[in-house]
């Protein structure tokens, strides 16, 4: 699990991402994580009929040595 803070349009909330992939290579490290967020927690309440309240989020990050 990765723990972090997600900020959307000025609203922040803690998130936990389940790591679904981690790959090390000669040029760095790649991590992929998924979570489900409640968009109402971020103040996103407009257009209720067009998007579900809970959204699945996938993040891929690539880190390189600097």
N, C-alpha and C. Protein backbone atom coordinates (compact mmCIF):
# COMPACT_ATOMS: atom_id res chain seq x y z
N UNK A 1 0.83 -1.18 0.00
CA UNK A 1 0.00 0.00 0.00
C UNK A 1 0.88 1.25 0.00
N UNK A 2 0.47 2.20 -0.78
CA UNK A 2 1.08 3.53 -0.77
C UNK A 2 0.08 4.49 -0.15
N UNK A 3 0.55 5.32 0.75
CA UNK A 3 -0.29 6.31 1.40
C UNK A 3 0.12 7.69 0.90
N UNK A 4 -0.87 8.52 0.63
CA UNK A 4 -0.55 9.85 0.15
C UNK A 4 -1.71 10.80 0.32
N UNK A 5 -1.56 11.96 -0.26
CA UNK A 5 -2.55 13.02 -0.20
C UNK A 5 -2.91 13.39 -1.63
N UNK A 6 -4.19 13.40 -1.95
CA UNK A 6 -4.66 13.78 -3.28
C UNK A 6 -5.37 15.12 -3.16
N UNK A 7 -5.01 16.07 -4.03
CA UNK A 7 -5.65 17.37 -4.05
C UNK A 7 -6.32 17.57 -5.40
N UNK A 8 -7.61 17.89 -5.36
CA UNK A 8 -8.39 18.14 -6.57
C UNK A 8 -9.16 19.43 -6.36
N UNK A 9 -8.88 20.41 -7.20
CA UNK A 9 -9.57 21.70 -7.16
C UNK A 9 -9.59 22.32 -5.77
N UNK A 10 -8.44 22.25 -5.08
CA UNK A 10 -8.31 22.88 -3.77
C UNK A 10 -8.75 22.05 -2.59
N UNK A 11 -9.33 20.89 -2.82
CA UNK A 11 -9.75 19.99 -1.74
C UNK A 11 -8.75 18.84 -1.63
N UNK A 12 -8.25 18.60 -0.41
CA UNK A 12 -7.29 17.52 -0.20
C UNK A 12 -7.89 16.45 0.70
N UNK A 13 -7.51 15.22 0.43
CA UNK A 13 -7.95 14.09 1.25
C UNK A 13 -6.89 13.00 1.17
N UNK A 14 -6.74 12.22 2.24
CA UNK A 14 -5.78 11.12 2.20
C UNK A 14 -6.27 10.00 1.28
N UNK A 15 -5.35 9.34 0.62
CA UNK A 15 -5.68 8.20 -0.23
C UNK A 15 -4.70 7.06 0.04
N UNK A 16 -5.16 5.84 -0.17
CA UNK A 16 -4.32 4.65 -0.12
C UNK A 16 -4.40 4.00 -1.49
N UNK A 17 -3.26 3.75 -2.08
CA UNK A 17 -3.21 3.10 -3.38
C UNK A 17 -2.67 1.68 -3.21
N UNK A 18 -3.36 0.73 -3.79
CA UNK A 18 -2.87 -0.64 -3.83
C UNK A 18 -1.88 -0.72 -4.98
N UNK A 19 -0.66 -1.15 -4.71
CA UNK A 19 0.36 -1.26 -5.75
C UNK A 19 0.06 -2.50 -6.59
N UNK A 20 -0.17 -2.28 -7.88
CA UNK A 20 -0.49 -3.39 -8.77
C UNK A 20 0.69 -3.81 -9.64
N UNK A 21 1.70 -2.94 -9.70
CA UNK A 21 2.89 -3.26 -10.50
C UNK A 21 4.07 -2.44 -9.98
N UNK A 22 5.21 -3.09 -9.88
CA UNK A 22 6.46 -2.37 -9.58
C UNK A 22 7.54 -2.99 -10.46
N UNK A 23 8.26 -2.11 -11.14
CA UNK A 23 9.25 -2.59 -12.10
C UNK A 23 10.49 -1.71 -12.02
N UNK A 24 11.62 -2.35 -11.77
CA UNK A 24 12.89 -1.64 -11.75
C UNK A 24 13.63 -1.94 -13.05
N UNK A 25 14.25 -0.91 -13.59
CA UNK A 25 15.03 -1.07 -14.82
C UNK A 25 16.27 -0.20 -14.72
N UNK A 26 17.09 -0.23 -15.73
CA UNK A 26 18.31 0.56 -15.74
C UNK A 26 18.08 2.05 -15.68
N UNK A 27 16.90 2.50 -16.11
CA UNK A 27 16.62 3.95 -16.10
C UNK A 27 15.72 4.39 -14.96
N UNK A 28 15.42 3.50 -13.99
CA UNK A 28 14.63 3.94 -12.85
C UNK A 28 13.64 2.91 -12.35
N UNK A 29 12.59 3.39 -11.72
CA UNK A 29 11.58 2.56 -11.08
C UNK A 29 10.21 3.03 -11.55
N UNK A 30 9.37 2.08 -11.91
CA UNK A 30 8.00 2.39 -12.29
C UNK A 30 7.05 1.70 -11.32
N UNK A 31 6.09 2.47 -10.80
CA UNK A 31 5.06 1.94 -9.90
C UNK A 31 3.70 2.27 -10.48
N UNK A 32 2.78 1.34 -10.33
CA UNK A 32 1.39 1.58 -10.74
C UNK A 32 0.51 1.22 -9.55
N UNK A 33 -0.42 2.11 -9.23
CA UNK A 33 -1.31 1.89 -8.10
C UNK A 33 -2.74 2.27 -8.45
N UNK A 34 -3.69 1.64 -7.75
CA UNK A 34 -5.10 1.92 -7.99
C UNK A 34 -5.80 2.21 -6.67
N UNK A 35 -6.87 2.99 -6.76
CA UNK A 35 -7.70 3.28 -5.59
C UNK A 35 -9.08 3.68 -6.08
N UNK A 36 -10.01 3.72 -5.17
CA UNK A 36 -11.36 4.22 -5.46
C UNK A 36 -11.55 5.46 -4.60
N UNK A 37 -11.98 6.56 -5.22
CA UNK A 37 -12.19 7.80 -4.48
C UNK A 37 -13.66 8.20 -4.54
N UNK A 38 -14.08 8.90 -3.51
CA UNK A 38 -15.41 9.49 -3.44
C UNK A 38 -15.27 10.92 -3.94
N UNK A 39 -15.79 11.20 -5.12
CA UNK A 39 -15.58 12.54 -5.69
C UNK A 39 -16.25 13.62 -4.86
N UNK A 40 -17.26 13.29 -4.07
CA UNK A 40 -17.90 14.28 -3.19
C UNK A 40 -16.92 14.77 -2.13
N UNK A 41 -15.97 13.92 -1.71
CA UNK A 41 -14.96 14.30 -0.71
C UNK A 41 -14.06 15.41 -1.24
N UNK A 42 -14.02 15.56 -2.56
CA UNK A 42 -13.19 16.59 -3.18
C UNK A 42 -14.03 17.76 -3.69
N UNK A 43 -15.28 17.81 -3.28
CA UNK A 43 -16.14 18.92 -3.68
C UNK A 43 -16.66 18.82 -5.09
N UNK A 44 -16.53 17.67 -5.73
CA UNK A 44 -17.00 17.48 -7.11
C UNK A 44 -18.41 16.91 -7.08
N UNK A 45 -19.39 17.79 -7.00
CA UNK A 45 -20.77 17.34 -6.89
C UNK A 45 -21.63 17.73 -8.09
N UNK A 46 -21.07 18.48 -9.02
CA UNK A 46 -21.82 18.89 -10.21
C UNK A 46 -22.00 17.72 -11.16
N UNK A 47 -23.01 17.81 -12.00
CA UNK A 47 -23.28 16.81 -13.04
C UNK A 47 -23.40 15.40 -12.46
N UNK A 48 -24.21 15.27 -11.43
CA UNK A 48 -24.36 13.99 -10.72
C UNK A 48 -24.81 12.86 -11.64
N UNK A 49 -25.57 13.15 -12.66
CA UNK A 49 -26.05 12.10 -13.55
C UNK A 49 -25.04 11.64 -14.58
N UNK A 50 -23.95 12.40 -14.77
CA UNK A 50 -22.98 12.07 -15.80
C UNK A 50 -21.79 11.26 -15.30
N UNK A 51 -21.53 11.32 -14.00
CA UNK A 51 -20.39 10.59 -13.44
C UNK A 51 -20.82 9.97 -12.12
N UNK A 52 -20.30 8.80 -11.86
CA UNK A 52 -20.62 8.11 -10.61
C UNK A 52 -20.00 8.85 -9.43
N UNK A 53 -20.55 8.60 -8.26
CA UNK A 53 -20.00 9.23 -7.06
C UNK A 53 -18.60 8.67 -6.77
N UNK A 54 -18.43 7.38 -6.94
CA UNK A 54 -17.14 6.74 -6.66
C UNK A 54 -16.44 6.49 -7.99
N UNK A 55 -15.18 6.91 -8.07
CA UNK A 55 -14.40 6.79 -9.29
C UNK A 55 -13.16 5.95 -9.02
N UNK A 56 -12.84 5.07 -9.96
CA UNK A 56 -11.61 4.29 -9.87
C UNK A 56 -10.48 5.10 -10.49
N UNK A 57 -9.38 5.18 -9.76
CA UNK A 57 -8.25 5.99 -10.18
C UNK A 57 -7.02 5.09 -10.28
N UNK A 58 -6.30 5.22 -11.39
CA UNK A 58 -5.06 4.47 -11.58
C UNK A 58 -3.94 5.48 -11.83
N UNK A 59 -2.85 5.33 -11.09
CA UNK A 59 -1.72 6.24 -11.21
C UNK A 59 -0.48 5.43 -11.56
N UNK A 60 0.24 5.90 -12.57
CA UNK A 60 1.53 5.31 -12.93
C UNK A 60 2.60 6.38 -12.74
N UNK A 61 3.63 6.03 -11.98
CA UNK A 61 4.72 6.96 -11.71
C UNK A 61 6.04 6.32 -12.10
N UNK A 62 6.90 7.11 -12.73
CA UNK A 62 8.23 6.63 -13.12
C UNK A 62 9.26 7.55 -12.48
N UNK A 63 10.13 6.98 -11.67
CA UNK A 63 11.19 7.75 -11.00
C UNK A 63 12.53 7.39 -11.58
N UNK A 64 13.34 8.41 -11.84
CA UNK A 64 14.69 8.19 -12.38
C UNK A 64 15.71 8.78 -11.43
N UNK A 65 16.88 8.18 -11.34
CA UNK A 65 17.92 8.74 -10.48
C UNK A 65 18.36 10.10 -11.00
N UNK A 66 18.60 11.00 -10.11
CA UNK A 66 18.93 12.35 -10.54
C UNK A 66 20.23 12.78 -10.03
